[in-house]
PDB file of all heavy atoms in Angstrom:
ATOM      1  N   THR A   1      99.430   2.514  -6.709  1.00  0.00           N
ATOM      2  CA  THR A   1     100.433   1.515  -7.071  1.00  0.00           C
ATOM      3  C   THR A   1     101.509   1.334  -6.004  1.00  0.00           C
ATOM      4  O   THR A   1     102.393   0.495  -6.156  1.00  0.00           O
ATOM      5  CB  THR A   1     101.116   1.917  -8.391  1.00  0.00           C
ATOM      6  OG1 THR A   1     101.629   3.259  -8.253  1.00  0.00           O
ATOM      7  CG2 THR A   1     100.137   1.874  -9.556  1.00  0.00           C
ATOM      8  N   ASN A   2     101.465   2.107  -4.929  1.00  0.00           N
ATOM      9  CA  ASN A   2     102.508   2.075  -3.901  1.00  0.00           C
ATOM     10  C   ASN A   2     102.083   1.177  -2.732  1.00  0.00           C
ATOM     11  O   ASN A   2     101.521   1.643  -1.733  1.00  0.00           O
ATOM     12  CB  ASN A   2     102.825   3.494  -3.423  1.00  0.00           C
ATOM     13  CG  ASN A   2     104.038   3.548  -2.528  1.00  0.00           C
ATOM     14  OD1 ASN A   2     104.442   2.546  -1.944  1.00  0.00           O
ATOM     15  ND2 ASN A   2     104.627   4.723  -2.413  1.00  0.00           N
ATOM     16  N   GLY A   3     102.374  -0.099  -2.852  1.00  0.00           N
ATOM     17  CA  GLY A   3     102.021  -1.071  -1.820  1.00  0.00           C
ATOM     18  C   GLY A   3     102.753  -0.854  -0.509  1.00  0.00           C
ATOM     19  O   GLY A   3     102.208  -1.134   0.565  1.00  0.00           O
ATOM     20  N   ARG A   4     104.000  -0.375  -0.556  1.00  0.00           N
ATOM     21  CA  ARG A   4     104.750  -0.126   0.680  1.00  0.00           C
ATOM     22  C   ARG A   4     104.054   0.939   1.532  1.00  0.00           C
ATOM     23  O   ARG A   4     103.956   0.808   2.746  1.00  0.00           O
ATOM     24  CB  ARG A   4     106.177   0.322   0.367  1.00  0.00           C
ATOM     25  CG  ARG A   4     107.093  -0.793  -0.066  1.00  0.00           C
ATOM     26  CD  ARG A   4     108.510  -0.228  -0.235  1.00  0.00           C
ATOM     27  NE  ARG A   4     109.422  -1.220  -0.707  1.00  0.00           N
ATOM     28  CZ  ARG A   4     110.082  -2.062   0.071  1.00  0.00           C
ATOM     29  NH1 ARG A   4     109.910  -2.036   1.362  1.00  0.00           N
ATOM     30  NH2 ARG A   4     110.922  -2.935  -0.447  1.00  0.00           N
ATOM     31  N   SER A   5     103.593   2.002   0.863  1.00  0.00           N
ATOM     32  CA  SER A   5     102.886   3.054   1.600  1.00  0.00           C
ATOM     33  C   SER A   5     101.575   2.531   2.171  1.00  0.00           C
ATOM     34  O   SER A   5     101.191   2.900   3.280  1.00  0.00           O
ATOM     35  CB  SER A   5     102.619   4.266   0.701  1.00  0.00           C
ATOM     36  OG  SER A   5     103.806   4.974   0.469  1.00  0.00           O
ATOM     37  N   ALA A   6     100.874   1.689   1.423  1.00  0.00           N
ATOM     38  CA  ALA A   6      99.619   1.109   1.920  1.00  0.00           C
ATOM     39  C   ALA A   6      99.883   0.326   3.204  1.00  0.00           C
ATOM     40  O   ALA A   6      99.172   0.486   4.201  1.00  0.00           O
ATOM     41  CB  ALA A   6      98.989   0.205   0.865  1.00  0.00           C
ATOM     42  N   ALA A   7     100.910  -0.501   3.200  1.00  0.00           N
ATOM     43  CA  ALA A   7     101.239  -1.314   4.375  1.00  0.00           C
ATOM     44  C   ALA A   7     101.639  -0.427   5.553  1.00  0.00           C
ATOM     45  O   ALA A   7     101.237  -0.680   6.699  1.00  0.00           O
ATOM     46  CB  ALA A   7     102.350  -2.302   4.040  1.00  0.00           C
ATOM     47  N   LEU A   8     102.418   0.613   5.302  1.00  0.00           N
ATOM     48  CA  LEU A   8     102.848   1.530   6.355  1.00  0.00           C
ATOM     49  C   LEU A   8     101.645   2.225   6.985  1.00  0.00           C
ATOM     50  O   LEU A   8     101.502   2.257   8.218  1.00  0.00           O
ATOM     51  CB  LEU A   8     103.822   2.564   5.791  1.00  0.00           C
ATOM     52  CG  LEU A   8     104.196   3.739   6.690  1.00  0.00           C
ATOM     53  CD1 LEU A   8     104.880   3.267   7.957  1.00  0.00           C
ATOM     54  CD2 LEU A   8     105.075   4.717   5.929  1.00  0.00           C
ATOM     55  N   LEU A   9     100.771   2.782   6.166  1.00  0.00           N
ATOM     56  CA  LEU A   9      99.609   3.495   6.696  1.00  0.00           C
ATOM     57  C   LEU A   9      98.678   2.558   7.452  1.00  0.00           C
ATOM     58  O   LEU A   9      98.134   2.925   8.499  1.00  0.00           O
ATOM     59  CB  LEU A   9      98.889   4.234   5.566  1.00  0.00           C
ATOM     60  CG  LEU A   9      99.700   5.386   4.956  1.00  0.00           C
ATOM     61  CD1 LEU A   9      99.043   5.896   3.684  1.00  0.00           C
ATOM     62  CD2 LEU A   9      99.918   6.502   5.964  1.00  0.00           C
ATOM     63  N   ASP A  10      98.512   1.341   6.955  1.00  0.00           N
ATOM     64  CA  ASP A  10      97.702   0.343   7.668  1.00  0.00           C
ATOM     65  C   ASP A  10      98.308   0.025   9.042  1.00  0.00           C
ATOM     66  O   ASP A  10      97.598  -0.043  10.045  1.00  0.00           O
ATOM     67  CB  ASP A  10      97.578  -0.949   6.861  1.00  0.00           C
ATOM     68  CG  ASP A  10      96.678  -0.818   5.647  1.00  0.00           C
ATOM     69  OD1 ASP A  10      95.900   0.161   5.560  1.00  0.00           O
ATOM     70  OD2 ASP A  10      96.759  -1.692   4.765  1.00  0.00           O
ATOM     71  N   ARG A  11      99.643  -0.170   9.094  1.00  0.00           N
ATOM     72  CA  ARG A  11     100.321  -0.471  10.360  1.00  0.00           C
ATOM     73  C   ARG A  11     100.101   0.633  11.400  1.00  0.00           C
ATOM     74  O   ARG A  11      99.997   0.370  12.589  1.00  0.00           O
ATOM     75  CB  ARG A  11     101.823  -0.641  10.144  1.00  0.00           C
ATOM     76  CG  ARG A  11     102.276  -2.032   9.896  1.00  0.00           C
ATOM     77  CD  ARG A  11     103.778  -2.190   9.980  1.00  0.00           C
ATOM     78  NE  ARG A  11     104.558  -1.280   9.164  1.00  0.00           N
ATOM     79  CZ  ARG A  11     104.806  -1.447   7.859  1.00  0.00           C
ATOM     80  NH1 ARG A  11     104.319  -2.493   7.215  1.00  0.00           N
ATOM     81  NH2 ARG A  11     105.534  -0.590   7.193  1.00  0.00           N
ATOM     82  N   LEU A  12     100.057   1.868  10.918  1.00  0.00           N
ATOM     83  CA  LEU A  12      99.917   3.000  11.827  1.00  0.00           C
ATOM     84  C   LEU A  12      98.468   3.276  12.216  1.00  0.00           C
ATOM     85  O   LEU A  12      98.210   4.150  13.041  1.00  0.00           O
ATOM     86  CB  LEU A  12     100.540   4.254  11.203  1.00  0.00           C
ATOM     87  CG  LEU A  12     102.059   4.186  11.029  1.00  0.00           C
ATOM     88  CD1 LEU A  12     102.554   5.416  10.302  1.00  0.00           C
ATOM     89  CD2 LEU A  12     102.762   4.027  12.365  1.00  0.00           C
ATOM     90  N   GLY A  13      97.524   2.555  11.633  1.00  0.00           N
ATOM     91  CA  GLY A  13      96.119   2.716  12.000  1.00  0.00           C
ATOM     92  C   GLY A  13      95.335   3.680  11.134  1.00  0.00           C
ATOM     93  O   GLY A  13      94.183   3.973  11.436  1.00  0.00           O
ATOM     94  N   PHE A  14      95.949   4.198  10.068  1.00  0.00           N
ATOM     95  CA  PHE A  14      95.209   5.055   9.152  1.00  0.00           C
ATOM     96  C   PHE A  14      94.132   4.228   8.456  1.00  0.00           C
ATOM     97  O   PHE A  14      94.315   3.034   8.210  1.00  0.00           O
ATOM     98  CB  PHE A  14      96.144   5.657   8.093  1.00  0.00           C
ATOM     99  CG  PHE A  14      96.930   6.845   8.567  1.00  0.00           C
ATOM    100  CD1 PHE A  14      98.064   6.677   9.342  1.00  0.00           C
ATOM    101  CD2 PHE A  14      96.543   8.130   8.227  1.00  0.00           C
ATOM    102  CE1 PHE A  14      98.800   7.772   9.772  1.00  0.00           C
ATOM    103  CE2 PHE A  14      97.264   9.238   8.652  1.00  0.00           C
ATOM    104  CZ  PHE A  14      98.399   9.057   9.433  1.00  0.00           C
ATOM    105  N   VAL A  15      93.029   4.869   8.139  1.00  0.00           N
ATOM    106  CA  VAL A  15      91.901   4.211   7.491  1.00  0.00           C
ATOM    107  C   VAL A  15      91.770   4.746   6.068  1.00  0.00           C
ATOM    108  O   VAL A  15      91.751   5.972   5.864  1.00  0.00           O
ATOM    109  CB  VAL A  15      90.592   4.488   8.272  1.00  0.00           C
ATOM    110  CG1 VAL A  15      89.385   3.913   7.548  1.00  0.00           C
ATOM    111  CG2 VAL A  15      90.695   3.942   9.689  1.00  0.00           C
ATOM    112  N   ALA A  16      91.706   3.832   5.089  1.00  0.00           N
ATOM    113  CA  ALA A  16      91.472   4.242   3.703  1.00  0.00           C
ATOM    114  C   ALA A  16      90.056   4.798   3.619  1.00  0.00           C
ATOM    115  O   ALA A  16      89.094   4.126   3.982  1.00  0.00           O
ATOM    116  CB  ALA A  16      91.657   3.063   2.756  1.00  0.00           C
ATOM    117  N   GLU A  17      89.941   6.049   3.161  1.00  0.00           N
ATOM    118  CA  GLU A  17      88.642   6.727   3.152  1.00  0.00           C
ATOM    119  C   GLU A  17      88.110   7.012   1.762  1.00  0.00           C
ATOM    120  O   GLU A  17      86.953   7.376   1.616  1.00  0.00           O
ATOM    121  CB  GLU A  17      88.739   8.044   3.932  1.00  0.00           C
ATOM    122  CG  GLU A  17      89.089   7.837   5.382  1.00  0.00           C
ATOM    123  CD  GLU A  17      89.215   9.129   6.157  1.00  0.00           C
ATOM    124  OE1 GLU A  17      89.589  10.169   5.559  1.00  0.00           O
ATOM    125  OE2 GLU A  17      88.947   9.113   7.367  1.00  0.00           O
ATOM    126  N   GLY A  18      88.946   6.886   0.775  1.00  0.00           N
ATOM    127  CA  GLY A  18      88.458   7.186  -0.566  1.00  0.00           C
ATOM    128  C   GLY A  18      89.543   7.048  -1.619  1.00  0.00           C
ATOM    129  O   GLY A  18      90.706   6.782  -1.312  1.00  0.00           O
ATOM    130  N   ARG A  19      89.132   7.238  -2.837  1.00  0.00           N
ATOM    131  CA  ARG A  19      90.026   7.070  -3.979  1.00  0.00           C
ATOM    132  C   ARG A  19      89.727   8.155  -4.998  1.00  0.00           C
ATOM    133  O   ARG A  19      88.573   8.371  -5.344  1.00  0.00           O
ATOM    134  CB  ARG A  19      89.794   5.696  -4.585  1.00  0.00           C
ATOM    135  CG  ARG A  19      90.750   5.294  -5.657  1.00  0.00           C
ATOM    136  CD  ARG A  19      90.389   3.867  -6.120  1.00  0.00           C
ATOM    137  NE  ARG A  19      91.525   3.238  -6.728  1.00  0.00           N
ATOM    138  CZ  ARG A  19      92.342   2.385  -6.153  1.00  0.00           C
ATOM    139  NH1 ARG A  19      92.141   2.025  -4.908  1.00  0.00           N
ATOM    140  NH2 ARG A  19      93.358   1.874  -6.795  1.00  0.00           N
ATOM    141  N   ARG A  20      90.757   8.832  -5.444  1.00  0.00           N
ATOM    142  CA  ARG A  20      90.623   9.830  -6.506  1.00  0.00           C
ATOM    143  C   ARG A  20      91.164   9.209  -7.788  1.00  0.00           C
ATOM    144  O   ARG A  20      92.368   9.024  -7.941  1.00  0.00           O
ATOM    145  CB  ARG A  20      91.389  11.098  -6.149  1.00  0.00           C
ATOM    146  CG  ARG A  20      90.787  11.799  -4.964  1.00  0.00           C
ATOM    147  CD  ARG A  20      91.521  13.076  -4.688  1.00  0.00           C
ATOM    148  NE  ARG A  20      90.938  13.729  -3.523  1.00  0.00           N
ATOM    149  CZ  ARG A  20      91.117  14.994  -3.240  1.00  0.00           C
ATOM    150  NH1 ARG A  20      91.855  15.753  -4.014  1.00  0.00           N
ATOM    151  NH2 ARG A  20      90.575  15.513  -2.174  1.00  0.00           N
ATOM    152  N   ARG A  21      90.250   8.881  -8.655  1.00  0.00           N
ATOM    153  CA  ARG A  21      90.613   8.155  -9.877  1.00  0.00           C
ATOM    154  C   ARG A  21      91.413   9.040 -10.831  1.00  0.00           C
ATOM    155  O   ARG A  21      91.100  10.205 -11.033  1.00  0.00           O
ATOM    156  CB  ARG A  21      89.344   7.666 -10.580  1.00  0.00           C
ATOM    157  CG  ARG A  21      88.573   6.667  -9.714  1.00  0.00           C
ATOM    158  CD  ARG A  21      87.242   6.288 -10.304  1.00  0.00           C
ATOM    159  NE  ARG A  21      86.395   7.474 -10.411  1.00  0.00           N
ATOM    160  CZ  ARG A  21      85.657   7.768 -11.482  1.00  0.00           C
ATOM    161  NH1 ARG A  21      85.620   6.977 -12.521  1.00  0.00           N
ATOM    162  NH2 ARG A  21      84.925   8.856 -11.501  1.00  0.00           N
ATOM    163  N   GLY A  22      92.472   8.449 -11.408  1.00  0.00           N
ATOM    164  CA  GLY A  22      93.299   9.137 -12.391  1.00  0.00           C
ATOM    165  C   GLY A  22      93.893  10.440 -11.898  1.00  0.00           C
ATOM    166  O   GLY A  22      94.137  11.353 -12.663  1.00  0.00           O
ATOM    167  N   TYR A  23      94.189  10.528 -10.625  1.00  0.00           N
ATOM    168  CA  TYR A  23      94.615  11.769  -9.972  1.00  0.00           C
ATOM    169  C   TYR A  23      96.025  12.205 -10.375  1.00  0.00           C
ATOM    170  O   TYR A  23      96.306  13.382 -10.479  1.00  0.00           O
ATOM    171  CB  TYR A  23      94.525  11.578  -8.462  1.00  0.00           C
ATOM    172  CG  TYR A  23      94.601  12.850  -7.657  1.00  0.00           C
ATOM    173  CD1 TYR A  23      93.509  13.706  -7.588  1.00  0.00           C
ATOM    174  CD2 TYR A  23      95.746  13.185  -6.946  1.00  0.00           C
ATOM    175  CE1 TYR A  23      93.559  14.862  -6.836  1.00  0.00           C
ATOM    176  CE2 TYR A  23      95.806  14.337  -6.199  1.00  0.00           C
ATOM    177  CZ  TYR A  23      94.704  15.179  -6.145  1.00  0.00           C
ATOM    178  OH  TYR A  23      94.759  16.328  -5.398  1.00  0.00           O
ATOM    179  N   TYR A  24      96.921  11.252 -10.546  1.00  0.00           N
ATOM    180  CA  TYR A  24      98.314  11.554 -10.893  1.00  0.00           C
ATOM    181  C   TYR A  24      98.653  11.006 -12.268  1.00  0.00           C
ATOM    182  O   TYR A  24      98.020  10.077 -12.749  1.00  0.00           O
ATOM    183  CB  TYR A  24      99.278  10.906  -9.886  1.00  0.00           C
ATOM    184  CG  TYR A  24      99.139  11.385  -8.465  1.00  0.00           C
ATOM    185  CD1 TYR A  24      98.775  10.511  -7.446  1.00  0.00           C
ATOM    186  CD2 TYR A  24      99.394  12.703  -8.125  1.00  0.00           C
ATOM    187  CE1 TYR A  24      98.675  10.939  -6.133  1.00  0.00           C
ATOM    188  CE2 TYR A  24      99.290  13.142  -6.813  1.00  0.00           C
ATOM    189  CZ  TYR A  24      98.933  12.254  -5.828  1.00  0.00           C
ATOM    190  OH  TYR A  24      98.834  12.678  -4.543  1.00  0.00           O
ATOM    191  N   PHE A  25      99.703  11.586 -12.846  1.00  0.00           N
ATOM    192  CA  PHE A  25     100.276  11.051 -14.074  1.00  0.00           C
ATOM    193  C   PHE A  25     101.712  10.674 -13.744  1.00  0.00           C
ATOM    194  O   PHE A  25     102.562  11.537 -13.519  1.00  0.00           O
ATOM    195  CB  PHE A  25     100.228  12.091 -15.198  1.00  0.00           C
ATOM    196  CG  PHE A  25     100.608  11.527 -16.532  1.00  0.00           C
ATOM    197  CD1 PHE A  25      99.745  10.695 -17.226  1.00  0.00           C
ATOM    198  CD2 PHE A  25     101.841  11.811 -17.092  1.00  0.00           C
ATOM    199  CE1 PHE A  25     100.076  10.169 -18.461  1.00  0.00           C
ATOM    200  CE2 PHE A  25     102.195  11.286 -18.317  1.00  0.00           C
ATOM    201  CZ  PHE A  25     101.311  10.471 -19.001  1.00  0.00           C
ATOM    202  N   VAL A  26     101.976   9.380 -13.609  1.00  0.00           N
ATOM    203  CA  VAL A  26     103.278   8.889 -13.158  1.00  0.00           C
ATOM    204  C   VAL A  26     103.735   7.775 -14.086  1.00  0.00           C
ATOM    205  O   VAL A  26     102.970   6.855 -14.392  1.00  0.00           O
ATOM    206  CB  VAL A  26     103.182   8.343 -11.713  1.00  0.00           C
ATOM    207  CG1 VAL A  26     104.516   7.791 -11.246  1.00  0.00           C
ATOM    208  CG2 VAL A  26     102.695   9.419 -10.759  1.00  0.00           C
ATOM    209  N   GLY A  27     104.974   7.855 -14.534  1.00  0.00           N
ATOM    210  CA  GLY A  27     105.534   6.797 -15.370  1.00  0.00           C
ATOM    211  C   GLY A  27     104.750   6.593 -16.655  1.00  0.00           C
ATOM    212  O   GLY A  27     104.662   5.474 -17.150  1.00  0.00           O
ATOM    213  N   GLY A  28     104.176   7.661 -17.183  1.00  0.00           N
ATOM    214  CA  GLY A  28     103.476   7.587 -18.453  1.00  0.00           C
ATOM    215  C   GLY A  28     102.041   7.094 -18.368  1.00  0.00           C
ATOM    216  O   GLY A  28     101.412   6.819 -19.391  1.00  0.00           O
ATOM    217  N   GLU A  29     101.498   6.988 -17.133  1.00  0.00           N
ATOM    218  CA  GLU A  29     100.108   6.527 -17.013  1.00  0.00           C
ATOM    219  C   GLU A  29      99.389   7.234 -15.876  1.00  0.00           C
ATOM    220  O   GLU A  29     100.008   7.736 -14.944  1.00  0.00           O
ATOM    221  CB  GLU A  29     100.051   5.013 -16.799  1.00  0.00           C
ATOM    222  CG  GLU A  29     100.670   4.551 -15.498  1.00  0.00           C
ATOM    223  CD  GLU A  29     100.657   3.034 -15.348  1.00  0.00           C
ATOM    224  OE1 GLU A  29     100.470   2.326 -16.329  1.00  0.00           O
ATOM    225  OE2 GLU A  29     100.843   2.580 -14.217  1.00  0.00           O
ATOM    226  N   ARG A  30      98.092   7.249 -15.961  1.00  0.00           N
ATOM    227  CA  ARG A  30      97.235   7.806 -14.916  1.00  0.00           C
ATOM    228  C   ARG A  30      97.186   6.824 -13.746  1.00  0.00           C
ATOM    229  O   ARG A  30      97.021   5.622 -13.941  1.00  0.00           O
ATOM    230  CB  ARG A  30      95.816   8.035 -15.426  1.00  0.00           C
ATOM    231  CG  ARG A  30      95.730   9.199 -16.337  1.00  0.00           C
ATOM    232  CD  ARG A  30      95.418  10.445 -15.514  1.00  0.00           C
ATOM    233  NE  ARG A  30      95.750  11.625 -16.293  1.00  0.00           N
ATOM    234  CZ  ARG A  30      96.228  12.729 -15.760  1.00  0.00           C
ATOM    235  NH1 ARG A  30      96.441  12.820 -14.470  1.00  0.00           N
ATOM    236  NH2 ARG A  30      96.497  13.760 -16.509  1.00  0.00           N
ATOM    237  N   VAL A  31      97.353   7.357 -12.532  1.00  0.00           N
ATOM    238  CA  VAL A  31      97.357   6.537 -11.330  1.00  0.00           C
ATOM    239  C   VAL A  31      96.408   7.173 -10.313  1.00  0.00           C
ATOM    240  O   VAL A  31      96.420   8.388 -10.109  1.00  0.00           O
ATOM    241  CB  VAL A  31      98.784   6.430 -10.726  1.00  0.00           C
ATOM    242  CG1 VAL A  31      98.781   5.625  -9.440  1.00  0.00           C
ATOM    243  CG2 VAL A  31      99.747   5.836 -11.734  1.00  0.00           C
ATOM    244  N   ASP A  32      95.614   6.342  -9.668  1.00  0.00           N
ATOM    245  CA  ASP A  32      94.695   6.817  -8.636  1.00  0.00           C
ATOM    246  C   ASP A  32      95.461   7.233  -7.386  1.00  0.00           C
ATOM    247  O   ASP A  32      96.553   6.735  -7.108  1.00  0.00           O
ATOM    248  CB  ASP A  32      93.712   5.716  -8.229  1.00  0.00           C
ATOM    249  CG  ASP A  32      92.771   5.300  -9.350  1.00  0.00           C
ATOM    250  OD1 ASP A  32      92.770   5.935 -10.421  1.00  0.00           O
ATOM    251  OD2 ASP A  32      92.032   4.324  -9.138  1.00  0.00           O
ATOM    252  N   ARG A  33      94.843   8.124  -6.625  1.00  0.00           N
ATOM    253  CA  ARG A  33      95.333   8.501  -5.294  1.00  0.00           C
ATOM    254  C   ARG A  33      94.379   7.895  -4.269  1.00  0.00           C
ATOM    255  O   ARG A  33      93.167   8.069  -4.376  1.00  0.00           O
ATOM    256  CB  ARG A  33      95.367  10.020  -5.130  1.00  0.00           C
ATOM    257  CG  ARG A  33      95.741  10.475  -3.715  1.00  0.00           C
ATOM    258  CD  ARG A  33      95.687  12.006  -3.613  1.00  0.00           C
ATOM    259  NE  ARG A  33      95.704  12.460  -2.243  1.00  0.00           N
ATOM    260  CZ  ARG A  33      96.785  12.886  -1.590  1.00  0.00           C
ATOM    261  NH1 ARG A  33      97.948  12.913  -2.187  1.00  0.00           N
ATOM    262  NH2 ARG A  33      96.696  13.295  -0.339  1.00  0.00           N
ATOM    263  N   VAL A  34      94.930   7.195  -3.283  1.00  0.00           N
ATOM    264  CA  VAL A  34      94.124   6.636  -2.206  1.00  0.00           C
ATOM    265  C   VAL A  34      94.280   7.565  -1.006  1.00  0.00           C
ATOM    266  O   VAL A  34      95.399   7.882  -0.599  1.00  0.00           O
ATOM    267  CB  VAL A  34      94.543   5.194  -1.853  1.00  0.00           C
ATOM    268  CG1 VAL A  34      93.661   4.636  -0.748  1.00  0.00           C
ATOM    269  CG2 VAL A  34      94.498   4.302  -3.091  1.00  0.00           C
ATOM    270  N   GLU A  35      93.138   8.011  -0.470  1.00  0.00           N
ATOM    271  CA  GLU A  35      93.107   8.951   0.651  1.00  0.00           C
ATOM    272  C   GLU A  35      92.943   8.191   1.969  1.00  0.00           C
ATOM    273  O   GLU A  35      92.137   7.268   2.058  1.00  0.00           O
ATOM    274  CB  GLU A  35      91.925   9.910   0.492  1.00  0.00           C
ATOM    275  CG  GLU A  35      91.943  10.718  -0.786  1.00  0.00           C
ATOM    276  CD  GLU A  35      92.915  11.869  -0.765  1.00  0.00           C
ATOM    277  OE1 GLU A  35      93.461  12.190   0.320  1.00  0.00           O
ATOM    278  OE2 GLU A  35      93.146  12.456  -1.833  1.00  0.00           O
ATOM    279  N   TYR A  36      93.694   8.617   2.966  1.00  0.00           N
ATOM    280  CA  TYR A  36      93.645   7.998   4.297  1.00  0.00           C
ATOM    281  C   TYR A  36      93.406   9.067   5.352  1.00  0.00           C
ATOM    282  O   TYR A  36      93.759  10.229   5.161  1.00  0.00           O
ATOM    283  CB  TYR A  36      94.982   7.319   4.627  1.00  0.00           C
ATOM    284  CG  TYR A  36      95.245   6.053   3.884  1.00  0.00           C
ATOM    285  CD1 TYR A  36      95.708   6.070   2.581  1.00  0.00           C
ATOM    286  CD2 TYR A  36      95.044   4.814   4.495  1.00  0.00           C
ATOM    287  CE1 TYR A  36      95.962   4.889   1.889  1.00  0.00           C
ATOM    288  CE2 TYR A  36      95.292   3.632   3.815  1.00  0.00           C
ATOM    289  CZ  TYR A  36      95.751   3.686   2.519  1.00  0.00           C
ATOM    290  OH  TYR A  36      95.992   2.510   1.845  1.00  0.00           O
ATOM    291  N   GLY A  37      92.847   8.640   6.487  1.00  0.00           N
ATOM    292  CA  GLY A  37      92.662   9.538   7.612  1.00  0.00           C
ATOM    293  C   GLY A  37      92.899   8.806   8.916  1.00  0.00           C
ATOM    294  O   GLY A  37      92.750   7.584   9.010  1.00  0.00           O
ATOM    295  N   LEU A  38      93.307   9.564   9.916  1.00  0.00           N
ATOM    296  CA  LEU A  38      93.504   9.036  11.266  1.00  0.00           C
ATOM    297  C   LEU A  38      93.060  10.113  12.241  1.00  0.00           C
ATOM    298  O   LEU A  38      93.537  11.257  12.170  1.00  0.00           O
ATOM    299  CB  LEU A  38      94.980   8.683  11.499  1.00  0.00           C
ATOM    300  CG  LEU A  38      95.358   8.167  12.886  1.00  0.00           C
ATOM    301  CD1 LEU A  38      94.685   6.826  13.181  1.00  0.00           C
ATOM    302  CD2 LEU A  38      96.874   8.042  13.009  1.00  0.00           C
TER     303      LEU A  38
END
């Protein structure tokens, strides 16, 4: 859900490599974690 972080990591050249579904519990709901690598 963090679009600012997505834009930052993209600007720096990080590559989205995967997604961990329901990884966090934030604000009363399950949220995926997007994994990046450089």
